[in-house]
Each structure stands twice: as C-alpha cells, then as structure tokens.
Amino acid sequence: MAGFSLVELLTVLTIISILSAATIPAMQSVLQSTKITQGGQILTEQINLARQIASARNTTVQVRLIKLAQVQNAAATGYNAVQLWGAPSGSTQSVALGQMAILPAAVVISEDTSNYSKLLASGTGAVVTSSTMSVPAGTASYIYFSVMPSGVIPVNNVTTAETTEMTGAYLSVVGSSYGSSSAAPGAVGAPQNYLVVQMNPHTGSTLVYRP
C-alpha cells in the first residue's frame, strides 16, 4: 500500500498554513464583534434597569461606568464595568443597588467625549468628574450619569431642540485598544467595529445600533 511522499506531506501542510492564515483573522473579527454586541447588551440592560428602579422607588439612580483594572485583560483606557448606585429611602448615602456588570474581555465603553461617548462630555450636567470607589481588590475609578425618577437623563450642555439633545446622549462600546480613540469614524485610527447606545434624555429610553 503506497504512502504519502515527503513532498505531498509538505504540500498539504503548506495548504493548511495558507488556509489558517486566511481564516484566523476573520474568526477573530467575528469573536470581537460578538463581544462588542454582548457589551452593548450589558450596558443597555443596566440603563433600562436604572430606569425601572428610579421609577419604582421614586429616586435618582446613578449609572456608574467603572475602570476595573482587576479584570483580566483590562485596558488602561475605557470603562469595562457598570454598576447602579442610589440612596435608600430616607438616606442620603448612596449604596450599590446590585452586582457589578463586567463587560467581556477586551471590550470597553469608550471614554472619548468627542465622537464616541458624548454623554460623558464635560459640562453635560449628567456626569460627575472621575472619582474612586472601593472594590474587592482595592479601588477603581469611575464616572457616572444620573437617571431621574421620571426617566430623564440630565443633559445640560445642549439647549433647545430635542434632536440636538439626542445628538449628545450616547455611549459607544468598542474594542479595548480603541478605548480612548478620538479619531472620527472612518478616519485613520478609528475603531472599525463598535456599537452605539443612544439615549433619549427626556425618557431614558435606549436605542442600539451598529454604524
């Protein structure tokens, strides 16, 4: 029974290597896209939950975006966790209203305020300056925006038309290497794959889309 020659084996191995080189990047892109979708779902679910709690308890709820460096593969830029905070009835001290929701590895909420997370822009009135909070392994920095009992998300840096306000009330989920990228969409250095969570500042309702 005839076997394979060395040349035939080398040929097969070469073909396998070529196919692997062609398919691995595509698989990585699909995996990244899936993680970004999951990250967007987590962010949207937390915002919607904040609306429900704020309405049910007639209280203001903070949606904290957290830089949790303790998470494996956490990026130095962007926010990779979300947690809701609020003051119980009769108290002025905010406490965590649930578990911290952590985004998939290598995915973050962009901290760029010019193109990808305009809600976080200085002067919105919805966002406080970055602060720190206690976490099991030490401390983590965070920033937050508020959801009022009526569902309103304060956006004070925009003035008259609702369309203008809508333009300023959004966050983007991106790959961690683009967590602080300010390159305009489509420009060199801009994320190729990202997800936008658009919020209506009057009702707090969310709309998710992929550019």
Protein backbone atom coordinates (compact mmCIF):
# COMPACT_ATOMS: atom_id res chain seq x y z
CA MET A 1 0.00 0.00 0.00
CA ALA A 2 1.57 3.24 -1.11
CA GLY A 3 2.11 6.03 1.43
CA PHE A 4 2.50 9.77 1.08
CA SER A 5 5.75 11.18 -0.12
CA LEU A 6 7.55 13.94 1.79
CA VAL A 7 6.70 16.40 -0.97
CA GLU A 8 3.00 15.56 -0.74
CA LEU A 9 3.01 15.98 3.05
CA LEU A 10 4.78 19.31 2.76
CA THR A 11 2.26 20.42 0.15
CA VAL A 12 -0.66 19.54 2.44
CA LEU A 13 0.94 21.35 5.37
CA THR A 14 1.53 24.41 3.21
CA ILE A 15 -2.11 24.48 2.12
CA ILE A 16 -3.27 24.14 5.74
CA SER A 17 -1.00 27.02 6.78
CA ILE A 18 -2.34 29.24 4.00
CA LEU A 19 -5.95 28.45 4.91
CA SER A 20 -5.27 29.11 8.60
CA ALA A 21 -3.63 32.45 7.85
CA ALA A 22 -6.69 33.45 5.84
CA THR A 23 -9.38 32.28 8.27
CA ILE A 24 -7.94 33.14 11.71
CA PRO A 25 -8.24 36.95 11.26
CA ALA A 26 -11.83 36.52 10.09
CA MET A 27 -12.62 34.36 13.13
CA GLN A 28 -11.02 36.92 15.44
CA SER A 29 -13.11 39.66 13.85
CA VAL A 30 -16.31 37.67 14.39
CA LEU A 31 -15.36 36.97 18.01
CA GLN A 32 -14.63 40.65 18.62
CA SER A 33 -17.95 41.63 17.05
CA THR A 34 -19.77 39.16 19.31
CA LYS A 35 -18.07 40.57 22.41
CA ILE A 36 -18.96 44.14 21.41
CA THR A 37 -22.60 43.08 20.97
CA GLN A 38 -22.56 41.45 24.40
CA GLY A 39 -21.01 44.57 25.92
CA GLY A 40 -23.74 46.71 24.35
CA GLN A 41 -26.41 44.39 25.76
CA ILE A 42 -24.92 44.68 29.25
CA LEU A 43 -24.80 48.47 29.09
CA THR A 44 -28.35 48.72 27.72
CA GLU A 45 -29.73 46.32 30.33
CA GLN A 46 -28.16 48.35 33.14
CA ILE A 47 -29.57 51.63 31.82
CA ASN A 48 -33.04 50.10 31.46
CA LEU A 49 -32.78 48.62 34.96
CA ALA A 50 -31.80 52.05 36.29
CA ARG A 51 -34.98 53.49 34.75
CA GLN A 52 -37.11 50.79 36.38
CA ILE A 53 -35.55 51.26 39.83
CA ALA A 54 -35.71 55.07 39.62
CA SER A 55 -39.39 54.94 38.73
CA ALA A 56 -40.38 52.22 41.22
CA ARG A 57 -38.55 53.82 44.17
CA ASN A 58 -39.06 57.44 43.14
CA THR A 59 -35.35 58.10 43.48
CA THR A 60 -32.38 59.13 41.38
CA VAL A 61 -30.16 56.27 40.24
CA GLN A 62 -26.51 56.60 39.28
CA VAL A 63 -25.22 54.54 36.35
CA ARG A 64 -21.55 54.19 37.22
CA LEU A 65 -19.09 53.38 34.45
CA ILE A 66 -16.06 51.82 36.09
CA LYS A 67 -12.42 51.22 35.12
CA LEU A 68 -11.85 47.90 36.80
CA ALA A 69 -8.15 47.17 36.40
CA GLN A 70 -8.50 43.89 38.30
CA VAL A 71 -10.36 42.30 35.40
CA GLN A 72 -8.15 40.10 33.26
CA ASN A 73 -7.03 41.85 30.05
CA ALA A 74 -8.49 45.13 31.31
CA ALA A 75 -7.45 48.10 29.23
CA ALA A 76 -5.83 51.22 30.64
CA THR A 77 -8.45 53.30 28.84
CA GLY A 78 -12.21 52.98 28.60
CA TYR A 79 -14.70 51.64 31.14
CA ASN A 80 -15.13 47.90 31.46
CA ALA A 81 -17.80 47.58 34.15
CA VAL A 82 -21.19 49.08 35.04
CA GLN A 83 -22.95 49.27 38.38
CA LEU A 84 -26.08 51.03 39.64
CA TRP A 85 -25.95 53.12 42.81
CA GLY A 86 -28.59 55.05 44.70
CA ALA A 87 -29.70 56.25 48.13
CA PRO A 88 -32.25 54.09 50.02
CA SER A 89 -35.44 55.78 51.17
CA GLY A 90 -34.73 58.20 54.00
CA SER A 91 -30.99 58.19 53.40
CA THR A 92 -28.59 60.47 51.55
CA GLN A 93 -25.80 57.89 51.35
CA SER A 94 -25.53 56.07 48.03
CA VAL A 95 -25.13 52.31 48.06
CA ALA A 96 -24.74 49.68 45.35
CA LEU A 97 -28.12 48.55 44.04
CA GLY A 98 -26.85 45.33 42.54
CA GLN A 99 -23.87 43.36 41.37
CA MET A 100 -21.25 44.95 39.15
CA ALA A 101 -21.83 44.03 35.50
CA ILE A 102 -18.49 43.39 33.79
CA LEU A 103 -18.07 43.70 30.03
CA PRO A 104 -16.44 40.87 28.05
CA ALA A 105 -12.64 40.79 28.00
CA ALA A 106 -11.01 43.27 25.59
CA VAL A 107 -14.22 45.32 25.27
CA VAL A 108 -14.83 48.71 26.93
CA ILE A 109 -17.15 51.71 26.91
CA SER A 110 -15.27 54.45 25.10
CA GLU A 111 -14.13 57.39 27.21
CA ASP A 112 -13.74 59.66 24.17
CA THR A 113 -16.23 62.51 24.51
CA SER A 114 -15.91 64.00 21.03
CA ASN A 115 -17.09 61.16 18.78
CA TYR A 116 -17.98 58.00 20.68
CA SER A 117 -19.35 58.77 24.18
CA LYS A 118 -20.64 62.30 24.01
CA LEU A 119 -22.82 61.85 27.09
CA LEU A 120 -19.61 61.91 29.13
CA ALA A 121 -18.53 65.32 27.81
CA SER A 122 -17.61 67.88 30.44
CA GLY A 123 -20.46 70.21 31.29
CA THR A 124 -23.33 67.88 30.43
CA GLY A 125 -24.66 68.12 33.97
CA ALA A 126 -25.31 64.38 33.81
CA VAL A 127 -21.76 63.37 34.59
CA VAL A 128 -19.51 63.92 37.61
CA THR A 129 -15.75 64.20 37.47
CA SER A 130 -13.99 60.85 37.69
CA SER A 131 -13.82 59.58 41.26
CA THR A 132 -12.84 56.37 43.05
CA MET A 133 -14.81 53.63 44.75
CA SER A 134 -13.91 50.60 46.83
CA VAL A 135 -13.78 47.23 45.09
CA PRO A 136 -12.74 43.83 46.49
CA ALA A 137 -9.14 44.17 45.30
CA GLY A 138 -8.69 47.84 46.23
CA THR A 139 -10.12 50.86 44.45
CA ALA A 140 -11.37 51.64 40.95
CA SER A 141 -12.02 54.93 39.18
CA TYR A 142 -15.47 55.66 37.80
CA ILE A 143 -17.70 58.30 36.28
CA TYR A 144 -21.49 58.34 36.37
CA PHE A 145 -24.61 59.80 34.86
CA SER A 146 -27.98 60.01 36.59
CA VAL A 147 -31.41 58.67 35.76
CA MET A 148 -34.21 60.61 37.43
CA PRO A 149 -37.49 59.07 38.71
CA SER A 150 -39.25 60.39 35.60
CA GLY A 151 -36.67 58.66 33.39
CA VAL A 152 -35.00 61.96 32.47
CA ILE A 153 -31.23 61.89 31.96
CA PRO A 154 -29.95 65.43 32.60
CA VAL A 155 -28.11 66.80 29.57
CA ASN A 156 -27.46 70.47 30.26
CA ASN A 157 -24.82 71.24 27.65
CA VAL A 158 -27.44 71.16 24.91
CA THR A 159 -30.11 73.78 24.74
CA THR A 160 -33.27 73.82 22.67
CA ALA A 161 -34.24 71.24 20.09
CA GLU A 162 -34.79 67.63 21.10
CA THR A 163 -32.77 66.49 18.10
CA THR A 164 -29.78 68.41 19.43
CA GLU A 165 -30.16 66.79 22.84
CA MET A 166 -30.44 63.34 21.29
CA THR A 167 -27.19 64.01 19.44
CA GLY A 168 -25.37 64.44 22.73
CA ALA A 169 -26.78 61.49 24.68
CA TYR A 170 -24.93 58.39 23.58
CA LEU A 171 -22.20 55.94 24.62
CA SER A 172 -20.17 53.58 22.44
CA VAL A 173 -18.83 50.10 23.13
CA VAL A 174 -15.51 49.48 21.39
CA GLY A 175 -12.52 47.16 21.41
CA SER A 176 -10.23 47.95 24.35
CA SER A 177 -7.44 49.18 22.08
CA TYR A 178 -9.79 51.99 20.98
CA GLY A 179 -10.98 52.96 24.47
CA SER A 180 -9.62 56.50 24.21
CA SER A 181 -9.52 56.90 20.43
CA SER A 182 -10.85 60.28 19.32
CA ALA A 183 -10.38 59.69 15.59
CA ALA A 184 -13.59 60.46 13.73
CA PRO A 185 -15.45 57.41 12.39
CA GLY A 186 -13.84 56.25 9.17
CA ALA A 187 -10.59 58.13 9.81
CA VAL A 188 -7.19 56.54 10.38
CA GLY A 189 -7.03 55.17 13.93
CA ALA A 190 -10.79 54.99 14.35
CA PRO A 191 -12.44 51.75 15.56
CA GLN A 192 -13.59 49.57 12.69
CA ASN A 193 -16.25 47.84 14.75
CA TYR A 194 -18.29 49.46 17.51
CA LEU A 195 -21.79 49.71 18.94
CA VAL A 196 -23.66 52.86 19.94
CA VAL A 197 -26.23 53.07 22.74
CA GLN A 198 -28.34 56.15 22.06
CA MET A 199 -30.43 57.53 24.93
CA ASN A 200 -33.44 59.79 24.86
CA PRO A 201 -32.64 62.31 27.64
CA HIS A 202 -36.35 63.03 28.16
CA THR A 203 -37.43 59.45 28.81
CA GLY A 204 -34.21 57.49 29.31
CA SER A 205 -35.26 55.01 26.61
CA THR A 206 -32.43 53.40 24.67
CA LEU A 207 -31.76 52.57 21.04
CA VAL A 208 -28.86 50.35 19.99
CA TYR A 209 -27.31 50.40 16.56
CA ARG A 210 -24.15 49.41 14.74
CA PRO A 211 -22.68 52.08 12.41
